[in-house]
Amino acid sequence: MVVPATRTCQFGVDDTRRVLLSPQQGLATVRVSTQRGFEGPQKLNDSGVYDFTVSKGDTFSVSCAGISGSLPCRLDLSS
C-alpha cells in the first residue's frame, strides 16, 4: 500500500477481517472507525505492525506525514 506524503486514504470494509499493516517507509498514522462506535488511532504492536480487526461497514484510514513532495508512506498489507 502506498500513501502519498501529506495525504490520507480511507478504506471501507465489506466483511469481517483482521488487517495487518507493516510500515516499510515513512511515518504513517492509522485510524479505525467502527459501526460499534469505536473511533481512534491504532498503535504499533511489539512486532512493529498495526494489527486490528474490522467488520462490514467499518472503515480505516492511513495518513502519511511529511511535506508535499517528500517520500510516500509504504506499508505491507495482509489480512
N, C-alpha and C. Protein backbone atom coordinates (compact mmCIF):
# COMPACT_ATOMS: atom_id res chain seq x y z
N MET A 1 0.85 -1.14 0.00
CA MET A 1 0.00 0.00 0.00
C MET A 1 0.91 1.22 0.00
N VAL A 2 0.61 2.19 -0.86
CA VAL A 2 1.38 3.42 -0.93
C VAL A 2 0.44 4.60 -0.71
N VAL A 3 0.80 5.46 0.24
CA VAL A 3 0.02 6.66 0.53
C VAL A 3 0.95 7.86 0.31
N PRO A 4 0.58 8.78 -0.59
CA PRO A 4 1.43 9.94 -0.84
C PRO A 4 1.61 10.79 0.42
N ALA A 5 2.77 11.44 0.52
CA ALA A 5 3.06 12.32 1.65
C ALA A 5 1.97 13.38 1.77
N THR A 6 1.59 13.68 2.98
CA THR A 6 0.56 14.68 3.37
C THR A 6 -0.85 14.27 2.98
N ARG A 7 -1.07 13.04 2.56
CA ARG A 7 -2.40 12.59 2.15
C ARG A 7 -2.96 11.57 3.12
N THR A 8 -4.29 11.37 3.04
CA THR A 8 -4.98 10.35 3.81
C THR A 8 -5.80 9.51 2.85
N CYS A 9 -5.71 8.20 2.98
CA CYS A 9 -6.52 7.28 2.19
C CYS A 9 -7.49 6.57 3.12
N GLN A 10 -8.76 6.52 2.72
CA GLN A 10 -9.83 5.90 3.51
C GLN A 10 -10.22 4.59 2.85
N PHE A 11 -10.43 3.55 3.66
CA PHE A 11 -10.78 2.23 3.15
C PHE A 11 -12.04 1.73 3.83
N GLY A 12 -13.01 1.28 3.04
CA GLY A 12 -14.21 0.65 3.56
C GLY A 12 -14.01 -0.86 3.63
N VAL A 13 -14.81 -1.52 4.45
CA VAL A 13 -14.66 -2.95 4.66
C VAL A 13 -15.97 -3.65 4.33
N ASP A 14 -15.90 -4.71 3.50
CA ASP A 14 -17.09 -5.45 3.07
C ASP A 14 -17.42 -6.65 3.93
N ASP A 15 -16.46 -7.09 4.76
CA ASP A 15 -16.70 -8.24 5.62
C ASP A 15 -15.75 -8.18 6.81
N THR A 16 -15.93 -9.07 7.76
CA THR A 16 -15.07 -9.08 8.93
C THR A 16 -13.70 -9.64 8.54
N ARG A 17 -12.67 -8.90 8.94
CA ARG A 17 -11.31 -9.35 8.63
C ARG A 17 -10.30 -8.74 9.57
N ARG A 18 -9.24 -9.46 9.75
CA ARG A 18 -8.10 -8.96 10.50
C ARG A 18 -7.19 -8.25 9.50
N VAL A 19 -6.72 -7.07 9.86
CA VAL A 19 -5.85 -6.29 8.99
C VAL A 19 -4.49 -6.15 9.66
N LEU A 20 -3.45 -6.44 8.91
CA LEU A 20 -2.08 -6.28 9.38
C LEU A 20 -1.38 -5.32 8.42
N LEU A 21 -0.90 -4.20 8.95
CA LEU A 21 -0.17 -3.22 8.17
C LEU A 21 1.24 -3.10 8.74
N SER A 22 2.22 -3.39 7.91
CA SER A 22 3.63 -3.33 8.33
C SER A 22 4.29 -2.13 7.66
N PRO A 23 4.62 -1.09 8.42
CA PRO A 23 5.28 0.09 7.83
C PRO A 23 6.64 -0.27 7.25
N GLN A 24 6.89 0.19 6.04
CA GLN A 24 8.17 -0.05 5.36
C GLN A 24 8.93 1.25 5.11
N GLN A 25 8.19 2.36 4.95
CA GLN A 25 8.81 3.65 4.65
C GLN A 25 7.88 4.76 5.09
N GLY A 26 8.42 5.79 5.69
CA GLY A 26 7.63 6.97 6.06
C GLY A 26 6.93 6.81 7.39
N LEU A 27 6.35 7.91 7.83
CA LEU A 27 5.64 7.95 9.11
C LEU A 27 4.14 7.99 8.83
N ALA A 28 3.47 6.89 9.11
CA ALA A 28 2.04 6.76 8.84
C ALA A 28 1.26 6.72 10.15
N THR A 29 0.01 7.18 10.08
CA THR A 29 -0.92 7.10 11.20
C THR A 29 -2.14 6.32 10.72
N VAL A 30 -2.58 5.34 11.50
CA VAL A 30 -3.72 4.51 11.15
C VAL A 30 -4.84 4.77 12.14
N ARG A 31 -6.04 5.05 11.62
CA ARG A 31 -7.23 5.27 12.45
C ARG A 31 -8.32 4.31 12.01
N VAL A 32 -9.09 3.81 12.98
CA VAL A 32 -10.20 2.90 12.71
C VAL A 32 -11.49 3.54 13.21
N SER A 33 -12.56 3.37 12.44
CA SER A 33 -13.89 3.83 12.85
C SER A 33 -14.84 2.65 12.64
N THR A 34 -15.49 2.20 13.71
CA THR A 34 -16.36 1.03 13.61
C THR A 34 -17.82 1.40 13.74
N GLN A 35 -18.67 0.50 13.27
CA GLN A 35 -20.12 0.66 13.40
C GLN A 35 -20.54 0.55 14.87
N ARG A 36 -19.69 -0.03 15.70
CA ARG A 36 -20.00 -0.20 17.12
C ARG A 36 -19.68 1.05 17.93
N GLY A 37 -19.19 2.10 17.26
CA GLY A 37 -18.95 3.36 17.94
C GLY A 37 -17.51 3.64 18.33
N PHE A 38 -16.61 2.70 18.09
CA PHE A 38 -15.20 2.95 18.40
C PHE A 38 -14.58 3.77 17.28
N GLU A 39 -13.81 4.78 17.66
CA GLU A 39 -13.04 5.52 16.68
C GLU A 39 -11.75 5.96 17.33
N GLY A 40 -10.65 5.73 16.67
CA GLY A 40 -9.39 6.18 17.24
C GLY A 40 -8.18 5.63 16.53
N PRO A 41 -7.03 6.18 16.90
CA PRO A 41 -5.78 5.75 16.28
C PRO A 41 -5.36 4.37 16.75
N GLN A 42 -4.63 3.70 15.90
CA GLN A 42 -4.07 2.40 16.24
C GLN A 42 -2.60 2.58 16.60
N LYS A 43 -2.10 1.69 17.43
CA LYS A 43 -0.69 1.72 17.82
C LYS A 43 0.02 0.50 17.24
N LEU A 44 1.30 0.68 16.97
CA LEU A 44 2.10 -0.46 16.52
C LEU A 44 2.22 -1.46 17.66
N ASN A 45 2.11 -2.75 17.35
CA ASN A 45 2.30 -3.77 18.39
C ASN A 45 3.79 -4.00 18.62
N ASP A 46 4.13 -4.93 19.48
CA ASP A 46 5.54 -5.20 19.81
C ASP A 46 6.36 -5.66 18.61
N SER A 47 5.69 -6.15 17.57
CA SER A 47 6.38 -6.60 16.36
C SER A 47 6.50 -5.49 15.32
N GLY A 48 6.01 -4.28 15.66
CA GLY A 48 6.08 -3.16 14.73
C GLY A 48 5.04 -3.20 13.63
N VAL A 49 3.87 -3.79 13.95
CA VAL A 49 2.79 -3.96 12.98
C VAL A 49 1.51 -3.36 13.55
N TYR A 50 0.73 -2.69 12.70
CA TYR A 50 -0.63 -2.31 13.07
C TYR A 50 -1.48 -3.56 12.88
N ASP A 51 -2.16 -4.01 13.91
CA ASP A 51 -2.91 -5.26 13.89
C ASP A 51 -4.29 -4.98 14.48
N PHE A 52 -5.33 -5.03 13.64
CA PHE A 52 -6.69 -4.75 14.11
C PHE A 52 -7.70 -5.54 13.30
N THR A 53 -8.89 -5.69 13.86
CA THR A 53 -9.97 -6.41 13.20
C THR A 53 -11.12 -5.45 12.92
N VAL A 54 -11.65 -5.50 11.72
CA VAL A 54 -12.77 -4.67 11.31
C VAL A 54 -13.89 -5.54 10.77
N SER A 55 -15.10 -5.02 10.82
CA SER A 55 -16.28 -5.74 10.34
C SER A 55 -16.94 -4.98 9.20
N LYS A 56 -17.91 -5.60 8.57
CA LYS A 56 -18.64 -4.97 7.46
C LYS A 56 -19.16 -3.61 7.90
N GLY A 57 -18.91 -2.61 7.07
CA GLY A 57 -19.37 -1.25 7.37
C GLY A 57 -18.35 -0.40 8.11
N ASP A 58 -17.32 -1.03 8.65
CA ASP A 58 -16.26 -0.28 9.33
C ASP A 58 -15.35 0.37 8.30
N THR A 59 -14.57 1.32 8.74
CA THR A 59 -13.59 1.95 7.87
C THR A 59 -12.26 2.09 8.61
N PHE A 60 -11.20 2.21 7.84
CA PHE A 60 -9.92 2.60 8.43
C PHE A 60 -9.23 3.54 7.46
N SER A 61 -8.40 4.41 8.00
CA SER A 61 -7.68 5.35 7.17
C SER A 61 -6.20 5.29 7.50
N VAL A 62 -5.40 5.63 6.50
CA VAL A 62 -3.95 5.70 6.66
C VAL A 62 -3.54 7.09 6.21
N SER A 63 -2.91 7.84 7.11
CA SER A 63 -2.41 9.17 6.80
C SER A 63 -0.89 9.12 6.77
N CYS A 64 -0.31 9.83 5.81
CA CYS A 64 1.14 9.86 5.68
C CYS A 64 1.64 11.26 6.05
N ALA A 65 2.54 11.33 7.01
CA ALA A 65 3.13 12.60 7.42
C ALA A 65 4.16 13.04 6.39
N GLY A 66 4.68 14.20 6.57
CA GLY A 66 5.72 14.71 5.67
C GLY A 66 5.29 16.02 5.05
N ILE A 67 6.09 16.49 4.13
CA ILE A 67 5.76 17.71 3.41
C ILE A 67 5.51 17.35 1.95
N SER A 68 4.79 18.18 1.27
CA SER A 68 4.48 17.93 -0.13
C SER A 68 5.76 17.68 -0.91
N GLY A 69 5.79 16.62 -1.68
CA GLY A 69 6.96 16.27 -2.47
C GLY A 69 7.91 15.32 -1.78
N SER A 70 7.68 15.04 -0.48
CA SER A 70 8.56 14.09 0.20
C SER A 70 8.15 12.66 -0.14
N LEU A 71 8.91 11.70 0.32
CA LEU A 71 8.64 10.29 0.00
C LEU A 71 7.28 9.86 0.52
N PRO A 72 6.59 8.99 -0.22
CA PRO A 72 5.32 8.46 0.27
C PRO A 72 5.53 7.45 1.38
N CYS A 73 4.45 7.12 2.07
CA CYS A 73 4.49 6.04 3.07
C CYS A 73 4.19 4.73 2.34
N ARG A 74 4.94 3.71 2.68
CA ARG A 74 4.72 2.38 2.11
C ARG A 74 4.47 1.41 3.26
N LEU A 75 3.38 0.65 3.12
CA LEU A 75 3.04 -0.34 4.13
C LEU A 75 2.68 -1.64 3.44
N ASP A 76 3.13 -2.76 4.00
CA ASP A 76 2.70 -4.06 3.50
C ASP A 76 1.36 -4.36 4.14
N LEU A 77 0.40 -4.81 3.34
CA LEU A 77 -0.95 -5.11 3.81
C LEU A 77 -1.22 -6.59 3.68
N SER A 78 -1.73 -7.18 4.76
CA SER A 78 -2.22 -8.56 4.70
C SER A 78 -3.45 -8.65 5.58
N SER A 79 -4.29 -9.61 5.28
CA SER A 79 -5.49 -9.79 6.09
C SER A 79 -5.90 -11.24 6.08
